[in-house]
C-alpha atoms as a PDB file:
ATOM      1  CA  MET A   1     -36.915 -40.416  -2.970  1.00  0.00           C
ATOM      2  CA  ARG A   2     -39.726 -38.685  -4.830  1.00  0.00           C
ATOM      3  CA  HIS A   3     -37.359 -35.604  -5.463  1.00  0.00           C
ATOM      4  CA  ALA A   4     -34.777 -38.001  -6.945  1.00  0.00           C
ATOM      5  CA  ILE A   5     -37.132 -39.688  -9.148  1.00  0.00           C
ATOM      6  CA  SER A   6     -38.680 -36.514 -10.406  1.00  0.00           C
ATOM      7  CA  ASN A   7     -35.250 -35.269 -11.248  1.00  0.00           C
ATOM      8  CA  ARG A   8     -34.482 -38.457 -13.238  1.00  0.00           C
ATOM      9  CA  VAL A   9     -37.711 -38.055 -15.071  1.00  0.00           C
ATOM     10  CA  GLY A  10     -36.799 -34.513 -15.874  1.00  0.00           C
ATOM     11  CA  TYR A  11     -33.373 -35.374 -17.158  1.00  0.00           C
ATOM     12  CA  LEU A  12     -34.834 -38.127 -19.207  1.00  0.00           C
ATOM     13  CA  ALA A  13     -37.479 -35.821 -20.882  1.00  0.00           C
ATOM     14  CA  ILE A  14     -34.802 -33.309 -21.710  1.00  0.00           C
ATOM     15  CA  ALA A  15     -32.606 -36.070 -23.188  1.00  0.00           C
ATOM     16  CA  SER A  16     -35.479 -37.323 -25.210  1.00  0.00           C
ATOM     17  CA  VAL A  17     -36.069 -33.933 -26.693  1.00  0.00           C
ATOM     18  CA  LEU A  18     -32.412 -33.499 -27.534  1.00  0.00           C
ATOM     19  CA  VAL A  19     -32.393 -36.980 -29.172  1.00  0.00           C
ATOM     20  CA  ALA A  20     -35.373 -36.050 -31.228  1.00  0.00           C
ATOM     21  CA  VAL A  21     -33.948 -32.777 -32.381  1.00  0.00           C
ATOM     22  CA  LEU A  22     -30.762 -34.315 -33.293  1.00  0.00           C
ATOM     23  CA  SER A  23     -32.448 -36.925 -35.275  1.00  0.00           C
ATOM     24  CA  VAL A  24     -33.970 -34.582 -37.659  1.00  0.00           C
ATOM     25  CA  GLY A  25     -30.776 -32.680 -38.114  1.00  0.00           C
ATOM     26  CA  LEU A  26     -31.675 -29.504 -36.217  1.00  0.00           C
ATOM     27  CA  GLY A  27     -29.543 -30.046 -33.247  1.00  0.00           C
ATOM     28  CA  ASP A  28     -26.454 -28.114 -34.089  1.00  0.00           C
ATOM     29  CA  ARG A  29     -28.493 -25.045 -35.236  1.00  0.00           C
ATOM     30  CA  LEU A  30     -30.886 -25.056 -32.282  1.00  0.00           C
ATOM     31  CA  LEU A  31     -28.082 -25.543 -29.726  1.00  0.00           C
ATOM     32  CA  THR A  32     -26.133 -22.767 -31.399  1.00  0.00           C
ATOM     33  CA  ARG A  33     -29.160 -20.421 -31.010  1.00  0.00           C
ATOM     34  CA  TRP A  34     -29.638 -21.387 -27.559  1.00  0.00           C
ATOM     35  CA  ALA A  35     -26.086 -20.599 -26.628  1.00  0.00           C
ATOM     36  CA  TYR A  36     -26.255 -17.328 -28.470  1.00  0.00           C
ATOM     37  CA  ALA A  37     -29.432 -16.172 -26.886  1.00  0.00           C
ATOM     38  CA  PHE A  38     -27.989 -17.046 -23.409  1.00  0.00           C
ATOM     39  CA  GLU A  39     -24.647 -15.259 -24.195  1.00  0.00           C
ATOM     40  CA  GLN A  40     -26.695 -12.200 -25.420  1.00  0.00           C
ATOM     41  CA  GLY A  41     -28.677 -12.136 -22.276  1.00  0.00           C
ATOM     42  CA  ARG A  42     -25.440 -12.364 -20.142  1.00  0.00           C
ATOM     43  CA  ILE A  43     -23.703  -9.560 -22.225  1.00  0.00           C
ATOM     44  CA  GLN A  44     -26.933  -7.339 -21.748  1.00  0.00           C
ATOM     45  CA  ALA A  45     -26.874  -7.799 -18.044  1.00  0.00           C
ATOM     46  CA  ASN A  46     -23.179  -7.024 -17.861  1.00  0.00           C
ATOM     47  CA  SER A  47     -23.782  -3.907 -19.993  1.00  0.00           C
ATOM     48  CA  ASP A  48     -26.567  -2.682 -17.763  1.00  0.00           C
ATOM     49  CA  GLU A  49     -24.257  -3.068 -14.697  1.00  0.00           C
ATOM     50  CA  LEU A  50     -21.418  -1.317 -16.431  1.00  0.00           C
ATOM     51  CA  ALA A  51     -23.466   1.746 -17.531  1.00  0.00           C
ATOM     52  CA  GLY A  52     -22.492   3.734 -14.551  1.00  0.00           C
ATOM     53  CA  VAL A  53     -18.783   2.970 -14.917  1.00  0.00           C
ATOM     54  CA  GLN A  54     -18.867   4.047 -18.536  1.00  0.00           C
ATOM     55  CA  GLU A  55     -20.355   7.345 -17.473  1.00  0.00           C
ATOM     56  CA  VAL A  56     -17.523   7.862 -15.091  1.00  0.00           C
ATOM     57  CA  SER A  57     -15.102   7.028 -17.835  1.00  0.00           C
ATOM     58  CA  ARG A  58     -16.644   9.510 -20.161  1.00  0.00           C
ATOM     59  CA  ALA A  59     -16.502  12.235 -17.420  1.00  0.00           C
ATOM     60  CA  PHE A  60     -12.652  11.344 -16.831  1.00  0.00           C
ATOM     61  CA  ARG A  61     -11.966  11.675 -20.563  1.00  0.00           C
ATOM     62  CA  MET A  62     -13.897  15.076 -20.667  1.00  0.00           C
ATOM     63  CA  VAL A  63     -11.913  16.441 -17.765  1.00  0.00           C
ATOM     64  CA  ALA A  64      -8.490  15.194 -19.316  1.00  0.00           C
ATOM     65  CA  LYS A  65      -9.293  16.917 -22.581  1.00  0.00           C
ATOM     66  CA  ILE A  66     -10.061  20.185 -20.895  1.00  0.00           C
ATOM     67  CA  VAL A  67      -7.016  20.167 -18.525  1.00  0.00           C
ATOM     68  CA  ARG A  68      -4.102  18.695 -20.457  1.00  0.00           C
ATOM     69  CA  PRO A  69      -3.731  21.753 -22.794  1.00  0.00           C
ATOM     70  CA  GLY A  70      -3.230  23.852 -19.693  1.00  0.00           C
ATOM     71  CA  VAL A  71      -0.513  21.752 -18.156  1.00  0.00           C
ATOM     72  CA  VAL A  72       3.038  22.363 -19.202  1.00  0.00           C
ATOM     73  CA  HIS A  73       6.400  20.592 -18.872  1.00  0.00           C
ATOM     74  CA  LEU A  74       9.432  22.306 -17.536  1.00  0.00           C
ATOM     75  CA  ARG A  75      13.060  21.620 -18.136  1.00  0.00           C
ATOM     76  CA  VAL A  76      15.467  23.718 -15.955  1.00  0.00           C
ATOM     77  CA  SER A  77      19.268  23.742 -15.942  1.00  0.00           C
ATOM     78  CA  GLY A  78      22.098  25.703 -14.435  1.00  0.00           C
ATOM     79  CA  LEU A  79      22.089  28.034 -11.416  1.00  0.00           C
ATOM     80  CA  ALA A  80      21.494  31.789 -11.828  1.00  0.00           C
ATOM     81  CA  ASP A  81      24.199  32.907  -9.424  1.00  0.00           C
ATOM     82  CA  PRO A  82      26.605  31.470  -6.712  1.00  0.00           C
ATOM     83  CA  GLN A  83      24.166  32.638  -3.958  1.00  0.00           C
ATOM     84  CA  ALA A  84      21.434  30.497  -5.528  1.00  0.00           C
ATOM     85  CA  ARG A  85      23.729  27.490  -5.451  1.00  0.00           C
ATOM     86  CA  LYS A  86      24.422  28.300  -1.666  1.00  0.00           C
ATOM     87  CA  ASP A  87      20.731  28.558  -0.958  1.00  0.00           C
ATOM     88  CA  VAL A  88      20.005  25.190  -2.587  1.00  0.00           C
ATOM     89  CA  GLU A  89      22.857  23.565  -0.798  1.00  0.00           C
ATOM     90  CA  GLN A  90      21.638  24.754   2.643  1.00  0.00           C
ATOM     91  CA  ARG A  91      18.058  23.710   1.874  1.00  0.00           C
ATOM     92  CA  LEU A  92      19.152  20.284   0.854  1.00  0.00           C
ATOM     93  CA  ARG A  93      21.483  19.758   3.783  1.00  0.00           C
ATOM     94  CA  ALA A  94      18.747  20.900   6.228  1.00  0.00           C
ATOM     95  CA  TYR A  95      16.220  18.633   4.619  1.00  0.00           C
ATOM     96  CA  PHE A  96      18.448  15.555   4.550  1.00  0.00           C
ATOM     97  CA  ARG A  97      20.343  16.166   7.824  1.00  0.00           C
ATOM     98  CA  ASP A  98      18.415  13.534   9.813  1.00  0.00           C
ATOM     99  CA  ARG A  99      17.923  11.079   6.975  1.00  0.00           C
ATOM    100  CA  LEU A 100      21.429  10.743   5.359  1.00  0.00           C
ATOM    101  CA  SER A 101      24.908  10.510   6.499  1.00  0.00           C
ATOM    102  CA  ASP A 102      27.408  13.412   5.732  1.00  0.00           C
ATOM    103  CA  GLU A 103      28.955  11.255   2.983  1.00  0.00           C
ATOM    104  CA  GLU A 104      25.594  10.516   1.421  1.00  0.00           C
ATOM    105  CA  ILE A 105      24.506  14.203   1.495  1.00  0.00           C
ATOM    106  CA  GLU A 106      27.844  15.084  -0.261  1.00  0.00           C
ATOM    107  CA  LYS A 107      27.116  12.505  -2.978  1.00  0.00           C
ATOM    108  CA  LEU A 108      23.581  13.905  -3.366  1.00  0.00           C
ATOM    109  CA  LEU A 109      24.881  17.483  -3.695  1.00  0.00           C
ATOM    110  CA  ARG A 110      27.400  16.511  -6.324  1.00  0.00           C
ATOM    111  CA  ARG A 111      24.759  14.656  -8.366  1.00  0.00           C
ATOM    112  CA  TYR A 112      22.389  17.622  -8.053  1.00  0.00           C
ATOM    113  CA  PHE A 113      24.795  20.316  -9.169  1.00  0.00           C
ATOM    114  CA  GLU A 114      26.558  18.186 -11.875  1.00  0.00           C
ATOM    115  CA  ALA A 115      23.190  17.101 -13.354  1.00  0.00           C
ATOM    116  CA  PRO A 116      22.646  19.006 -16.689  1.00  0.00           C
ATOM    117  CA  ALA A 117      18.950  19.440 -16.155  1.00  0.00           C
ATOM    118  CA  SER A 118      15.846  18.455 -13.988  1.00  0.00           C
ATOM    119  CA  SER A 119      12.129  18.682 -14.727  1.00  0.00           C
ATOM    120  CA  GLY A 120       8.795  19.607 -13.402  1.00  0.00           C
ATOM    121  CA  SER A 121       5.209  20.703 -14.270  1.00  0.00           C
ATOM    122  CA  GLY A 122       3.242  23.915 -14.119  1.00  0.00           C
ATOM    123  CA  ILE A 123      -0.217  25.140 -15.123  1.00  0.00           C
ATOM    124  CA  ILE A 124      -1.028  28.155 -17.319  1.00  0.00           C
ATOM    125  CA  LEU A 125      -2.750  31.073 -15.387  1.00  0.00           C
ATOM    126  CA  ASP A 126      -3.581  33.479 -18.147  1.00  0.00           C
ATOM    127  CA  ARG A 127      -3.349  34.174 -21.918  1.00  0.00           C
ATOM    128  CA  ASP A 128      -0.380  36.563 -21.126  1.00  0.00           C
ATOM    129  CA  GLY A 129       1.713  33.524 -20.453  1.00  0.00           C
ATOM    130  CA  HIS A 130       1.990  33.432 -16.658  1.00  0.00           C
ATOM    131  CA  ILE A 131       2.491  29.767 -15.363  1.00  0.00           C
ATOM    132  CA  LEU A 132       2.167  28.609 -11.715  1.00  0.00           C
ATOM    133  CA  THR A 133       4.801  25.970 -10.587  1.00  0.00           C
ATOM    134  CA  ASN A 134       6.990  25.122  -7.608  1.00  0.00           C
ATOM    135  CA  ASN A 135       9.820  27.143  -6.225  1.00  0.00           C
ATOM    136  CA  HIS A 136      11.915  24.105  -5.729  1.00  0.00           C
ATOM    137  CA  VAL A 137      11.696  23.545  -9.485  1.00  0.00           C
ATOM    138  CA  VAL A 138      12.588  26.920 -10.917  1.00  0.00           C
ATOM    139  CA  GLY A 139      14.063  28.879  -7.998  1.00  0.00           C
ATOM    140  CA  GLY A 140      17.542  30.087  -8.726  1.00  0.00           C
ATOM    141  CA  ARG A 141      17.693  28.265 -12.028  1.00  0.00           C
ATOM    142  CA  ALA A 142      19.586  29.879 -14.957  1.00  0.00           C
ATOM    143  CA  GLU A 143      17.405  28.536 -17.727  1.00  0.00           C
ATOM    144  CA  ILE A 144      13.694  27.460 -17.646  1.00  0.00           C
ATOM    145  CA  LEU A 145      12.372  25.715 -20.740  1.00  0.00           C
ATOM    146  CA  VAL A 146       8.664  25.311 -21.094  1.00  0.00           C
ATOM    147  CA  ARG A 147       7.043  22.762 -23.249  1.00  0.00           C
ATOM    148  CA  LEU A 148       3.416  23.002 -24.167  1.00  0.00           C
ATOM    149  CA  HIS A 149       0.947  20.270 -24.818  1.00  0.00           C
ATOM    150  CA  ASP A 150       1.252  20.662 -28.607  1.00  0.00           C
ATOM    151  CA  GLU A 151       5.261  20.301 -28.255  1.00  0.00           C
ATOM    152  CA  ARG A 152       5.782  24.088 -28.753  1.00  0.00           C
ATOM    153  CA  GLU A 153       8.897  25.105 -26.521  1.00  0.00           C
ATOM    154  CA  TYR A 154       9.627  28.504 -25.058  1.00  0.00           C
ATOM    155  CA  LEU A 155      12.183  29.984 -22.729  1.00  0.00           C
ATOM    156  CA  ALA A 156      10.515  31.356 -19.630  1.00  0.00           C
ATOM    157  CA  THR A 157      11.523  34.188 -17.110  1.00  0.00           C
ATOM    158  CA  LEU A 158      10.977  33.956 -13.326  1.00  0.00           C
ATOM    159  CA  VAL A 159       8.435  36.598 -12.242  1.00  0.00           C
ATOM    160  CA  GLY A 160       8.426  35.760  -8.609  1.00  0.00           C
ATOM    161  CA  ALA A 161       8.945  32.918  -5.979  1.00  0.00           C
ATOM    162  CA  ASP A 162       8.102  32.171  -2.471  1.00  0.00           C
ATOM    163  CA  ARG A 163       9.952  29.535  -0.527  1.00  0.00           C
ATOM    164  CA  LYS A 164       7.467  29.423   2.391  1.00  0.00           C
ATOM    165  CA  THR A 165       4.690  28.088   0.126  1.00  0.00           C
ATOM    166  CA  ASP A 166       6.986  26.426  -2.455  1.00  0.00           C
ATOM    167  CA  LEU A 167       5.183  28.408  -5.082  1.00  0.00           C
ATOM    168  CA  ALA A 168       6.622  30.272  -8.164  1.00  0.00           C
ATOM    169  CA  VAL A 169       5.451  32.264 -11.195  1.00  0.00           C
ATOM    170  CA  ILE A 170       7.165  32.057 -14.565  1.00  0.00           C
ATOM    171  CA  LYS A 171       6.166  33.772 -17.824  1.00  0.00           C
ATOM    172  CA  ILE A 172       6.514  32.923 -21.529  1.00  0.00           C
ATOM    173  CA  ASN A 173       5.505  34.973 -24.637  1.00  0.00           C
ATOM    174  CA  ALA A 174       3.367  32.489 -26.657  1.00  0.00           C
ATOM    175  CA  PRO A 175       0.112  32.723 -28.627  1.00  0.00           C
ATOM    176  CA  ASP A 176      -2.883  30.514 -28.418  1.00  0.00           C
ATOM    177  CA  LEU A 177      -2.529  29.463 -24.645  1.00  0.00           C
ATOM    178  CA  HIS A 178      -5.036  27.441 -22.757  1.00  0.00           C
ATOM    179  CA  PRO A 179      -5.376  28.909 -19.188  1.00  0.00           C
ATOM    180  CA  LEU A 180      -6.943  26.832 -16.406  1.00  0.00           C
ATOM    181  CA  GLU A 181      -9.261  28.083 -13.635  1.00  0.00           C
ATOM    182  CA  PHE A 182      -8.690  27.615  -9.773  1.00  0.00           C
ATOM    183  CA  GLY A 183     -11.350  25.580  -8.208  1.00  0.00           C
ATOM    184  CA  ASP A 184     -12.531  25.980  -4.536  1.00  0.00           C
ATOM    185  CA  SER A 185     -10.673  23.465  -2.435  1.00  0.00           C
ATOM    186  CA  ASP A 186     -13.016  24.285   0.528  1.00  0.00           C
ATOM    187  CA  LYS A 187     -15.832  22.551  -1.487  1.00  0.00           C
ATOM    188  CA  MET A 188     -13.900  19.274  -1.691  1.00  0.00           C
ATOM    189  CA  GLU A 189     -14.799  16.328   0.519  1.00  0.00           C
ATOM    190  CA  VAL A 190     -13.005  13.231   1.642  1.00  0.00           C
ATOM    191  CA  GLY A 191     -13.782  10.528  -0.954  1.00  0.00           C
ATOM    192  CA  ASP A 192     -14.045  12.935  -3.954  1.00  0.00           C
ATOM    193  CA  TRP A 193     -12.477  11.721  -7.159  1.00  0.00           C
ATOM    194  CA  VAL A 194      -9.457  13.672  -8.490  1.00  0.00           C
ATOM    195  CA  LEU A 195      -7.530  13.623 -11.615  1.00  0.00           C
ATOM    196  CA  ALA A 196      -3.796  14.528 -11.796  1.00  0.00           C
ATOM    197  CA  VAL A 197      -1.964  15.627 -14.868  1.00  0.00           C
ATOM    198  CA  GLY A 198       1.896  16.060 -14.864  1.00  0.00           C
ATOM    199  CA  ALA A 199       5.260  14.614 -16.089  1.00  0.00           C
ATOM    200  CA  PRO A 200       6.426  11.907 -13.711  1.00  0.00           C
ATOM    201  CA  PHE A 201       9.772  10.600 -14.697  1.00  0.00           C
ATOM    202  CA  GLY A 202       9.896  13.019 -17.551  1.00  0.00           C
ATOM    203  CA  LEU A 203       6.749  11.452 -19.285  1.00  0.00           C
ATOM    204  CA  THR A 204       4.814  14.540 -20.230  1.00  0.00           C
ATOM    205  CA  GLN A 205       0.998  14.809 -20.254  1.00  0.00           C
ATOM    206  CA  SER A 206       0.569  11.758 -17.999  1.00  0.00           C
ATOM    207  CA  VAL A 207      -2.943  11.413 -16.390  1.00  0.00           C
ATOM    208  CA  THR A 208      -3.853   9.502 -13.362  1.00  0.00           C
ATOM    209  CA  HIS A 209      -6.687   9.543 -10.857  1.00  0.00           C
ATOM    210  CA  GLY A 210      -7.345   9.022  -7.098  1.00  0.00           C
ATOM    211  CA  ILE A 211      -9.416  10.199  -4.250  1.00  0.00           C
ATOM    212  CA  VAL A 212      -9.247  12.866  -1.503  1.00  0.00           C
ATOM    213  CA  SER A 213      -7.891  10.917   1.311  1.00  0.00           C
ATOM    214  CA  ALA A 214      -7.887  13.714   3.989  1.00  0.00           C
ATOM    215  CA  LYS A 215      -8.321  17.433   4.434  1.00  0.00           C
ATOM    216  CA  GLY A 216      -6.285  19.938   6.402  1.00  0.00           C
ATOM    217  CA  ARG A 217      -3.004  18.013   6.586  1.00  0.00           C
ATOM    218  CA  GLY A 218      -0.142  19.917   8.393  1.00  0.00           C
ATOM    219  CA  ASP A 219       2.804  19.658  10.573  1.00  0.00           C
ATOM    220  CA  MET A 220       4.430  17.425   7.890  1.00  0.00           C
ATOM    221  CA  LEU A 221       8.187  17.602   8.820  1.00  0.00           C
ATOM    222  CA  ASN A 222       9.221  15.764   5.705  1.00  0.00           C
ATOM    223  CA  ILE A 223       8.051  18.672   3.497  1.00  0.00           C
ATOM    224  CA  PRO A 224      10.124  21.809   3.806  1.00  0.00           C
ATOM    225  CA  ILE A 225       7.122  24.174   3.401  1.00  0.00           C
ATOM    226  CA  LEU A 226       6.326  26.592   6.064  1.00  0.00           C
ATOM    227  CA  TYR A 227       2.584  27.076   5.415  1.00  0.00           C
ATOM    228  CA  GLN A 228       0.883  23.594   5.412  1.00  0.00           C
ATOM    229  CA  ASP A 229      -2.912  23.116   4.897  1.00  0.00           C
ATOM    230  CA  PHE A 230      -2.973  20.240   2.459  1.00  0.00           C
ATOM    231  CA  LEU A 231      -5.526  18.081   0.769  1.00  0.00           C
ATOM    232  CA  GLN A 232      -4.060  14.659   0.917  1.00  0.00           C
ATOM    233  CA  ILE A 233      -4.772  12.753  -2.322  1.00  0.00           C
ATOM    234  CA  LEU A 234      -4.089   9.075  -2.853  1.00  0.00           C
ATOM    235  CA  CYS A 235      -3.160   8.888  -6.558  1.00  0.00           C
ATOM    236  CA  LEU A 236      -3.484   5.467  -8.163  1.00  0.00           C
ATOM    237  CA  GLY A 237      -0.465   4.895 -10.434  1.00  0.00           C
ATOM    238  CA  HIS A 238       1.872   6.601  -7.904  1.00  0.00           C
ATOM    239  CA  ILE A 239       4.031   4.841  -5.451  1.00  0.00           C
ATOM    240  CA  GLN A 240       3.030   7.089  -2.542  1.00  0.00           C
ATOM    241  CA  ASP A 241       0.415   9.728  -1.575  1.00  0.00           C
ATOM    242  CA  CYS A 242       0.680  12.894  -3.445  1.00  0.00           C
ATOM    243  CA  TYR A 243      -0.177  16.429  -1.915  1.00  0.00           C
END
């Protein structure tokens, strides 16, 4: 009972102050100042809490600025020779044998060989114009067009390719290239943040981020690569994990 009475007395005192303030014409200004001071305090508290997030955002921006000039977009078309077409067909048939019917595989092959072009990504290795990409992107292709971050385009030649690792090296003759350095994957730990730059759906210079989900992934039958020791990276913004 005493608690209830004290509350009522407190409310009446506050109400009396407000009535007195309003009666001298200062109510609107004073209440506005109170609201402003309260809002400023809340904003300051939120800013303090977000300081760490802003630091991470600045780090992401810095990495993106450094990396994007070294990532290229590839457009490939045609097949270099009939044997290359045969090799591609054999790989596709073997890969989809247990996943698609014969009729579906035939439709897939027709779409693949009739398509005017496909795309991929690569990274610049040195100022001489060597670029690292995937064998399944450029292997056996008649024409490889490289688009740099500043929209310059060059035709590339295939230097070498390895189906067992799905890696390939191509070369362009271009000035003012921005090569990237390899990091040490052994130093990465599960939970580390990762930025990915590429061209999903043909959209060049796209950046997303994720974390290292696992290390030493292997025996992945859905990936036609013989040597497997992958970092599994869950990329936000992608439908499924990327490796």
